[in-house]
Structure formats: structure tokens, C-alpha cells
C-alpha atoms as a PDB file:
ATOM      1  CA  MET A   1     -30.072 -20.157 -12.743  1.00  0.00           C
ATOM      2  CA  THR A   2     -27.985 -17.153 -14.056  1.00  0.00           C
ATOM      3  CA  PHE A   3     -24.683 -16.827 -13.747  1.00  0.00           C
ATOM      4  CA  ALA A   4     -22.955 -14.559 -11.963  1.00  0.00           C
ATOM      5  CA  LEU A   5     -19.322 -12.434 -11.020  1.00  0.00           C
ATOM      6  CA  LEU A   6     -17.970 -11.557  -7.747  1.00  0.00           C
ATOM      7  CA  PHE A   7     -15.088  -9.444  -7.830  1.00  0.00           C
ATOM      8  CA  ASP A   8     -12.717  -8.265  -4.691  1.00  0.00           C
ATOM      9  CA  LEU A   9     -11.981  -4.901  -4.828  1.00  0.00           C
ATOM     10  CA  ASP A  10      -8.149  -3.488  -3.649  1.00  0.00           C
ATOM     11  CA  GLY A  11      -6.045  -5.463  -5.915  1.00  0.00           C
ATOM     12  CA  THR A  12      -8.150  -6.852  -8.323  1.00  0.00           C
ATOM     13  CA  LEU A  13     -10.326  -4.640  -9.410  1.00  0.00           C
ATOM     14  CA  VAL A  14      -7.725  -2.098  -9.244  1.00  0.00           C
ATOM     15  CA  ASP A  15      -4.147  -2.118  -8.256  1.00  0.00           C
ATOM     16  CA  THR A  16      -4.276   0.352  -4.942  1.00  0.00           C
ATOM     17  CA  GLU A  17      -2.276  -1.475  -2.653  1.00  0.00           C
ATOM     18  CA  ALA A  18       1.063   1.068  -3.149  1.00  0.00           C
ATOM     19  CA  LEU A  19      -1.402   3.932  -1.210  1.00  0.00           C
ATOM     20  CA  HIS A  20      -3.362   1.250   1.197  1.00  0.00           C
ATOM     21  CA  ARG A  21       0.812   0.465   2.064  1.00  0.00           C
ATOM     22  CA  GLN A  22       1.460   3.836   2.539  1.00  0.00           C
ATOM     23  CA  ALA A  23      -1.025   5.087   4.494  1.00  0.00           C
ATOM     24  CA  PHE A  24      -0.074   2.171   6.639  1.00  0.00           C
ATOM     25  CA  GLN A  25       3.402   3.263   6.909  1.00  0.00           C
ATOM     26  CA  VAL A  26       2.027   6.723   8.293  1.00  0.00           C
ATOM     27  CA  VAL A  27      -0.313   5.176  11.135  1.00  0.00           C
ATOM     28  CA  PHE A  28       2.727   2.033  11.914  1.00  0.00           C
ATOM     29  CA  GLY A  29       5.059   5.327  11.765  1.00  0.00           C
ATOM     30  CA  ARG A  30       7.306   2.116   9.958  1.00  0.00           C
ATOM     31  CA  ASP A  31       8.614   1.375   6.873  1.00  0.00           C
ATOM     32  CA  ILE A  32       6.325  -1.843   5.888  1.00  0.00           C
ATOM     33  CA  ASP A  33       8.197  -4.277   3.316  1.00  0.00           C
ATOM     34  CA  MET A  34       6.073  -5.810   0.883  1.00  0.00           C
ATOM     35  CA  ASP A  35       6.462  -9.585   2.360  1.00  0.00           C
ATOM     36  CA  TYR A  36       5.211  -8.358   5.430  1.00  0.00           C
ATOM     37  CA  TYR A  37       2.148  -5.978   3.091  1.00  0.00           C
ATOM     38  CA  ALA A  38       1.502  -9.237   1.438  1.00  0.00           C
ATOM     39  CA  SER A  39       1.733 -12.121   4.470  1.00  0.00           C
ATOM     40  CA  GLN A  40       0.336  -9.420   7.415  1.00  0.00           C
ATOM     41  CA  ILE A  41      -1.991  -6.713   5.537  1.00  0.00           C
ATOM     42  CA  ALA A  42      -3.124  -7.334   2.083  1.00  0.00           C
ATOM     43  CA  GLY A  43      -7.056  -9.072   2.652  1.00  0.00           C
ATOM     44  CA  ARG A  44      -7.260  -8.544   6.626  1.00  0.00           C
ATOM     45  CA  SER A  45      -9.445  -6.788   8.006  1.00  0.00           C
ATOM     46  CA  ASN A  46      -8.451  -3.802  10.152  1.00  0.00           C
ATOM     47  CA  ASP A  47      -9.725  -5.102  13.628  1.00  0.00           C
ATOM     48  CA  ARG A  48      -6.992  -8.630  12.512  1.00  0.00           C
ATOM     49  CA  ILE A  49      -4.303  -6.219  11.382  1.00  0.00           C
ATOM     50  CA  MET A  50      -4.543  -3.414  14.185  1.00  0.00           C
ATOM     51  CA  ALA A  51      -4.498  -6.381  16.910  1.00  0.00           C
ATOM     52  CA  ALA A  52      -1.688  -7.857  15.475  1.00  0.00           C
ATOM     53  CA  ALA A  53       0.376  -5.317  14.607  1.00  0.00           C
ATOM     54  CA  PHE A  54      -0.428  -3.509  18.226  1.00  0.00           C
ATOM     55  CA  PRO A  55      -1.506  -6.228  20.164  1.00  0.00           C
ATOM     56  CA  ASP A  56      -0.667  -3.967  23.992  1.00  0.00           C
ATOM     57  CA  ARG A  57      -3.557  -1.906  22.263  1.00  0.00           C
ATOM     58  CA  SER A  58      -7.140  -1.704  23.071  1.00  0.00           C
ATOM     59  CA  VAL A  59      -9.925  -2.489  20.892  1.00  0.00           C
ATOM     60  CA  GLU A  60     -10.635   1.062  21.187  1.00  0.00           C
ATOM     61  CA  GLU A  61      -7.158   2.318  20.222  1.00  0.00           C
ATOM     62  CA  HIS A  62      -7.529  -0.383  17.421  1.00  0.00           C
ATOM     63  CA  LEU A  63     -10.578   0.846  16.251  1.00  0.00           C
ATOM     64  CA  ALA A  64      -9.281   4.824  16.277  1.00  0.00           C
ATOM     65  CA  LEU A  65      -5.957   3.513  14.295  1.00  0.00           C
ATOM     66  CA  SER A  66      -8.094   1.589  11.505  1.00  0.00           C
ATOM     67  CA  GLU A  67     -10.299   5.153  11.337  1.00  0.00           C
ATOM     68  CA  ARG A  68      -7.210   7.775  10.781  1.00  0.00           C
ATOM     69  CA  LYS A  69      -5.591   5.067   8.695  1.00  0.00           C
ATOM     70  CA  GLU A  70      -8.934   4.836   5.841  1.00  0.00           C
ATOM     71  CA  ARG A  71      -9.190   8.838   5.953  1.00  0.00           C
ATOM     72  CA  LEU A  72      -5.686   8.502   5.507  1.00  0.00           C
ATOM     73  CA  TYR A  73      -6.279   6.506   2.131  1.00  0.00           C
ATOM     74  CA  ARG A  74      -9.472   8.131   1.240  1.00  0.00           C
ATOM     75  CA  SER A  75      -7.349  11.271   1.098  1.00  0.00           C
ATOM     76  CA  PHE A  76      -4.582   9.778  -1.068  1.00  0.00           C
ATOM     77  CA  VAL A  77      -7.393   8.389  -3.618  1.00  0.00           C
ATOM     78  CA  GLY A  78      -7.280  10.302  -7.488  1.00  0.00           C
ATOM     79  CA  ARG A  79      -8.178   9.620 -10.231  1.00  0.00           C
ATOM     80  CA  LEU A  80      -7.643   5.554 -10.712  1.00  0.00           C
ATOM     81  CA  ASP A  81      -7.375   3.265 -14.130  1.00  0.00           C
ATOM     82  CA  PRO A  82      -9.111  -0.171 -13.621  1.00  0.00           C
ATOM     83  CA  THR A  83      -7.312  -3.329 -14.332  1.00  0.00           C
ATOM     84  CA  PRO A  84      -6.627  -4.379 -17.484  1.00  0.00           C
ATOM     85  CA  GLY A  85      -9.689  -6.065 -19.866  1.00  0.00           C
ATOM     86  CA  LEU A  86     -11.949  -5.322 -16.593  1.00  0.00           C
ATOM     87  CA  PRO A  87     -14.903  -2.436 -18.779  1.00  0.00           C
ATOM     88  CA  GLU A  88     -14.654  -5.331 -21.215  1.00  0.00           C
ATOM     89  CA  LEU A  89     -15.234  -7.860 -19.035  1.00  0.00           C
ATOM     90  CA  LEU A  90     -18.087  -6.018 -17.309  1.00  0.00           C
ATOM     91  CA  ASP A  91     -19.298  -5.011 -20.680  1.00  0.00           C
ATOM     92  CA  TRP A  92     -19.372  -8.711 -21.466  1.00  0.00           C
ATOM     93  CA  ALA A  93     -21.748  -9.472 -18.482  1.00  0.00           C
ATOM     94  CA  ALA A  94     -24.167  -6.909 -19.582  1.00  0.00           C
ATOM     95  CA  ARG A  95     -25.069  -7.879 -22.705  1.00  0.00           C
ATOM     96  CA  HIS A  96     -25.308 -11.369 -21.228  1.00  0.00           C
ATOM     97  CA  GLY A  97     -27.643 -10.566 -18.321  1.00  0.00           C
ATOM     98  CA  PHE A  98     -24.668 -11.629 -15.661  1.00  0.00           C
ATOM     99  CA  PRO A  99     -24.708 -10.014 -12.373  1.00  0.00           C
ATOM    100  CA  CYS A 100     -21.511  -8.698 -10.764  1.00  0.00           C
ATOM    101  CA  ALA A 101     -20.655  -7.596  -7.533  1.00  0.00           C
ATOM    102  CA  VAL A 102     -18.193  -6.258  -5.537  1.00  0.00           C
ATOM    103  CA  VAL A 103     -17.018  -7.805  -2.071  1.00  0.00           C
ATOM    104  CA  THR A 104     -14.463  -6.142   0.098  1.00  0.00           C
ATOM    105  CA  ASN A 105     -13.159  -6.064   3.005  1.00  0.00           C
ATOM    106  CA  ALA A 106     -12.412  -2.433   2.848  1.00  0.00           C
ATOM    107  CA  PRO A 107     -15.747   0.015   4.787  1.00  0.00           C
ATOM    108  CA  ARG A 108     -18.412   1.418   2.676  1.00  0.00           C
ATOM    109  CA  ALA A 109     -16.989   4.845   2.516  1.00  0.00           C
ATOM    110  CA  ASN A 110     -13.875   3.847   0.153  1.00  0.00           C
ATOM    111  CA  ALA A 111     -15.680   1.489  -1.921  1.00  0.00           C
ATOM    112  CA  THR A 112     -17.833   4.147  -2.821  1.00  0.00           C
ATOM    113  CA  LEU A 113     -14.730   6.583  -2.941  1.00  0.00           C
ATOM    114  CA  VAL A 114     -12.674   4.053  -5.079  1.00  0.00           C
ATOM    115  CA  LEU A 115     -15.521   2.858  -7.973  1.00  0.00           C
ATOM    116  CA  ALA A 116     -17.111   6.596  -8.265  1.00  0.00           C
ATOM    117  CA  ALA A 117     -12.792   6.952  -8.946  1.00  0.00           C
ATOM    118  CA  LEU A 118     -12.969   4.359 -11.869  1.00  0.00           C
ATOM    119  CA  GLY A 119     -15.757   5.329 -13.034  1.00  0.00           C
ATOM    120  CA  LEU A 120     -17.814   2.028 -12.299  1.00  0.00           C
ATOM    121  CA  GLY A 121     -20.092   3.069  -9.686  1.00  0.00           C
ATOM    122  CA  ASP A 122     -23.251   2.158 -11.619  1.00  0.00           C
ATOM    123  CA  ARG A 123     -21.748  -1.317 -13.196  1.00  0.00           C
ATOM    124  CA  PHE A 124     -22.162  -3.109 -10.291  1.00  0.00           C
ATOM    125  CA  ASP A 125     -25.461  -4.649  -8.749  1.00  0.00           C
ATOM    126  CA  CYS A 126     -24.513  -4.758  -5.868  1.00  0.00           C
ATOM    127  CA  VAL A 127     -21.703  -4.198  -3.128  1.00  0.00           C
ATOM    128  CA  ILE A 128     -20.747  -5.887   0.152  1.00  0.00           C
ATOM    129  CA  ALA A 129     -18.668  -3.761   2.209  1.00  0.00           C
ATOM    130  CA  GLY A 130     -16.598  -4.847   5.130  1.00  0.00           C
ATOM    131  CA  ASP A 131     -18.295  -2.477   7.856  1.00  0.00           C
ATOM    132  CA  GLU A 132     -21.280  -4.347   6.922  1.00  0.00           C
ATOM    133  CA  VAL A 133     -20.942  -7.884   7.842  1.00  0.00           C
ATOM    134  CA  GLY A 134     -20.700  -9.622  10.733  1.00  0.00           C
ATOM    135  CA  ARG A 135     -17.536 -11.769   9.674  1.00  0.00           C
ATOM    136  CA  PRO A 136     -15.707 -10.127   7.242  1.00  0.00           C
ATOM    137  CA  LYS A 137     -13.437 -12.271   5.290  1.00  0.00           C
ATOM    138  CA  PRO A 138     -11.263 -15.085   5.676  1.00  0.00           C
ATOM    139  CA  HIS A 139     -15.000 -15.813   6.831  1.00  0.00           C
ATOM    140  CA  PRO A 140     -17.307 -16.874   3.687  1.00  0.00           C
ATOM    141  CA  GLU A 141     -19.944 -14.419   4.688  1.00  0.00           C
ATOM    142  CA  PRO A 142     -19.435 -11.376   2.725  1.00  0.00           C
ATOM    143  CA  TYR A 143     -19.739 -14.351  -0.247  1.00  0.00           C
ATOM    144  CA  LEU A 144     -22.801 -15.683   0.621  1.00  0.00           C
ATOM    145  CA  SER A 145     -24.102 -12.258   1.035  1.00  0.00           C
ATOM    146  CA  ALA A 146     -23.306 -11.271  -2.088  1.00  0.00           C
ATOM    147  CA  LEU A 147     -24.705 -14.687  -3.828  1.00  0.00           C
ATOM    148  CA  ALA A 148     -27.905 -14.409  -2.105  1.00  0.00           C
ATOM    149  CA  ALA A 149     -28.146 -10.799  -2.681  1.00  0.00           C
ATOM    150  CA  LEU A 150     -28.187 -11.602  -6.429  1.00  0.00           C
ATOM    151  CA  GLY A 151     -30.599 -14.518  -6.473  1.00  0.00           C
ATOM    152  CA  GLY A 152     -27.138 -16.267  -7.738  1.00  0.00           C
ATOM    153  CA  ASP A 153     -25.415 -19.700  -6.858  1.00  0.00           C
ATOM    154  CA  ALA A 154     -21.841 -21.144  -6.295  1.00  0.00           C
ATOM    155  CA  SER A 155     -21.912 -23.407  -8.691  1.00  0.00           C
ATOM    156  CA  ARG A 156     -23.094 -20.500 -11.237  1.00  0.00           C
ATOM    157  CA  ALA A 157     -20.887 -17.926 -10.243  1.00  0.00           C
ATOM    158  CA  VAL A 158     -16.979 -17.038 -10.625  1.00  0.00           C
ATOM    159  CA  GLY A 159     -14.999 -15.256  -7.878  1.00  0.00           C
ATOM    160  CA  PHE A 160     -11.791 -12.888  -8.806  1.00  0.00           C
ATOM    161  CA  GLU A 161      -9.746 -12.368  -5.284  1.00  0.00           C
ATOM    162  CA  ASP A 162      -5.352 -10.952  -5.027  1.00  0.00           C
ATOM    163  CA  SER A 163      -5.503 -12.265  -1.275  1.00  0.00           C
ATOM    164  CA  LEU A 164      -4.888 -15.258   0.912  1.00  0.00           C
ATOM    165  CA  SER A 165      -7.838 -13.567   2.846  1.00  0.00           C
ATOM    166  CA  GLY A 166     -10.064 -13.340   0.078  1.00  0.00           C
ATOM    167  CA  LEU A 167      -9.022 -16.502  -1.686  1.00  0.00           C
ATOM    168  CA  SER A 168      -9.986 -18.869   1.350  1.00  0.00           C
ATOM    169  CA  ALA A 169     -13.183 -16.540   2.356  1.00  0.00           C
ATOM    170  CA  ALA A 170     -14.320 -17.834  -1.497  1.00  0.00           C
ATOM    171  CA  VAL A 171     -13.122 -21.055  -1.636  1.00  0.00           C
ATOM    172  CA  ALA A 172     -14.820 -21.171   1.319  1.00  0.00           C
ATOM    173  CA  ALA A 173     -18.289 -19.668  -0.104  1.00  0.00           C
ATOM    174  CA  GLY A 174     -18.224 -23.000  -2.448  1.00  0.00           C
ATOM    175  CA  LEU A 175     -17.075 -20.056  -5.562  1.00  0.00           C
ATOM    176  CA  PRO A 176     -14.499 -21.350  -8.283  1.00  0.00           C
ATOM    177  CA  THR A 177     -11.787 -18.209  -8.264  1.00  0.00           C
ATOM    178  CA  PHE A 178      -8.966 -16.863 -10.055  1.00  0.00           C
ATOM    179  CA  GLY A 179      -5.502 -15.127  -8.377  1.00  0.00           C
ATOM    180  CA  MET A 180      -5.192 -11.870  -9.705  1.00  0.00           C
ATOM    181  CA  LEU A 181      -0.836 -11.348  -9.340  1.00  0.00           C
ATOM    182  CA  THR A 182      -0.882  -8.468  -7.821  1.00  0.00           C
ATOM    183  CA  THR A 183       0.710  -8.538  -4.548  1.00  0.00           C
ATOM    184  CA  LEU A 184       1.506 -12.549  -4.696  1.00  0.00           C
ATOM    185  CA  GLY A 185       2.940 -14.471  -7.105  1.00  0.00           C
ATOM    186  CA  GLU A 186       1.350 -17.679  -8.678  1.00  0.00           C
ATOM    187  CA  ALA A 187       2.490 -20.659  -6.721  1.00  0.00           C
ATOM    188  CA  ALA A 188       0.805 -18.691  -3.543  1.00  0.00           C
ATOM    189  CA  LEU A 189      -2.528 -18.369  -5.252  1.00  0.00           C
ATOM    190  CA  LEU A 190      -2.856 -21.946  -6.504  1.00  0.00           C
ATOM    191  CA  GLN A 191      -1.409 -23.450  -2.870  1.00  0.00           C
ATOM    192  CA  ALA A 192      -4.002 -20.845  -1.709  1.00  0.00           C
ATOM    193  CA  GLY A 193      -7.136 -22.605  -4.084  1.00  0.00           C
ATOM    194  CA  ALA A 194      -7.323 -20.212  -7.041  1.00  0.00           C
ATOM    195  CA  ILE A 195      -8.589 -22.466 -10.505  1.00  0.00           C
ATOM    196  CA  ARG A 196      -5.764 -20.117 -12.451  1.00  0.00           C
ATOM    197  CA  ALA A 197      -3.667 -17.546 -11.304  1.00  0.00           C
ATOM    198  CA  ILE A 198      -3.766 -14.425 -14.320  1.00  0.00           C
ATOM    199  CA  GLN A 199      -2.246 -10.485 -14.611  1.00  0.00           C
ATOM    200  CA  ASN A 200      -5.604  -9.291 -15.450  1.00  0.00           C
ATOM    201  CA  PHE A 201      -8.721  -9.558 -16.943  1.00  0.00           C
ATOM    202  CA  ARG A 202      -7.415 -10.064 -20.868  1.00  0.00           C
ATOM    203  CA  ASP A 203      -6.172 -13.819 -19.710  1.00  0.00           C
ATOM    204  CA  GLU A 204      -7.328 -15.956 -22.767  1.00  0.00           C
ATOM    205  CA  ARG A 205      -7.772 -18.643 -20.158  1.00  0.00           C
ATOM    206  CA  LEU A 206     -10.182 -16.890 -17.946  1.00  0.00           C
ATOM    207  CA  TRP A 207     -12.256 -16.179 -21.268  1.00  0.00           C
ATOM    208  CA  GLU A 208     -12.327 -19.633 -22.099  1.00  0.00           C
ATOM    209  CA  TRP A 209     -13.542 -20.491 -19.140  1.00  0.00           C
ATOM    210  CA  LEU A 210     -16.175 -17.878 -18.802  1.00  0.00           C
ATOM    211  CA  VAL A 211     -17.441 -19.209 -22.163  1.00  0.00           C
ATOM    212  CA  ALA A 212     -17.558 -22.597 -21.497  1.00  0.00           C
ATOM    213  CA  ARG A 213     -18.623 -21.851 -17.692  1.00  0.00           C
ATOM    214  CA  ALA A 214     -21.316 -19.299 -18.499  1.00  0.00           C
ATOM    215  CA  ARG A 215     -22.941 -21.354 -21.112  1.00  0.00           C
ATOM    216  CA  PRO A 216     -26.899 -21.487 -20.183  1.00  0.00           C
END
């Protein structure tokens, strides 16, 4: 069985958290500090975010707020730079024939736009988007769907996540997962189940793990 690499999108492949935070601040009509963003927004699905922020609003209103936020976010996206070491990691995976997937709670339109802005639109074998699954992260369904699409198995795969919600999903799917130090500190990532906390994809500990684990 081949080896597979499964990546979250925002905060993992690219640091777009400032753009998301900016869009949420417009929709919420107030400033959002990083503690609130990390604990209440990062990695969560929009329905959960809006329900918590606007408990007196209807489901329809939550949907409208979510759609407004995503339109604002997409309007903020310009040229983006990938997390350091990502192109080299994808090249390594391609040379060895290891399939790669993006697994995100973001809607398909966001994922398509961001991957294009990164110049990575054709580098992934599948993209699992949050608006196309029945149960988004923190449920493991998105990661299980990606593994099924790739024909892989969690015992021969690795995940990369930056949020508590994402780590919960990946770990529940059985994936050994590296935590990205984008919005959370090392202690929080490890407590949530990450096997290592890394700043980017150039971390020597990541490469040592991959070389040892991805052998036939």
C-alpha cells in the first residue's frame, strides 16, 4: 500500500488566518482578538461559528452571515505564498508516487481560489471541501473521505493540521498528525494529539519521520 499525505488548507498550506479574521471582524461588527480567533473560529465550520456568535439568529441567518463572510474573504485573497518547504515536500511526494489531498472545512470556492493563488491547483489528487461532506471537522468524516478517495489507509499516511478542530478530526481518523504552529502553541497542539509541532515543512524532525515511515 502506498503512502499518502493529507493537508489542511488555511493555516497549514498557507497562512491566511489574518484574511479570515479580517472578514469575520466585518461580519461580527467588532474586533476579534487572537485568543477568541484561535479558540472559537480557527478550524471550525461556519455553522458552528455563527451559531456560537449569534445564538439568537435563525439557521437561515447563520447561512447568510457565513456566505457574506466567505465572499469577503475571497475578495481579500491576492497572491499567496505557501508555507516554507511545501513545494519541496510536494515534489518529494510526486517523485515517490505518494498521493496528496487537501482536507478543509472551507467551501470548494475558497479552496479552488487559494490553491490557484498559491500556484498549486494541480498538485493534489483530491480536495475534500467542507460544504461537500455531511459532517465537517471535528468529525473524522473529511479525512476518512480523503483516505477512501486516495485508496489509502491511516496506517500508511500522515496529516498536517493547525487547529484543535482539525487535529480532532485527523486523530479520530487514525492519522499520525503534525501540528502547525500557526495559531496555537506547541503545548496545545501536542495536547490535542499532534505527534510533533512544527513551524513549517522544512523541519528536520518531519523529514526524519517521513523517510522512516514512508518506506515500503
